[in-house]
């Protein structure tokens, strides 16, 4: 009979820790989605200014890597880091490259938002 309260306490501890893990994942998912969306938007706003675009890309990479480093879920972390790695490879040295870069950021961003969404299900 003494085992019943102990078993109940252990089960409650497991449920609480699972709930916390789910809450942490939900928080990470929300933050990842927000940072990706903001990064795409900010880069798109400066398509006429290659120097400003480079700065927005660098800022976005830093923000994405920060989110990736905090994410406990491996799939989520890989998705966010994947977009950061993709952005690092982009150039925006002149107006033509900046326009192409903005299109690439939008396409990659949509792809990685889908990956984040899949990781968060």
Foldseek 3Di string as FASTA:
>chain_A
DVVVVVVVVVVVVVVVVVVVLLVLLVVLLVQLLVLLVVLLVLLLVVLQPLVSNVVSLVVSLVSLQVSLVSHPQPQLSCLSNVLSVVSVPAHRPDNVSSVVSSVVSVVSSVVSNVSSVVSSD
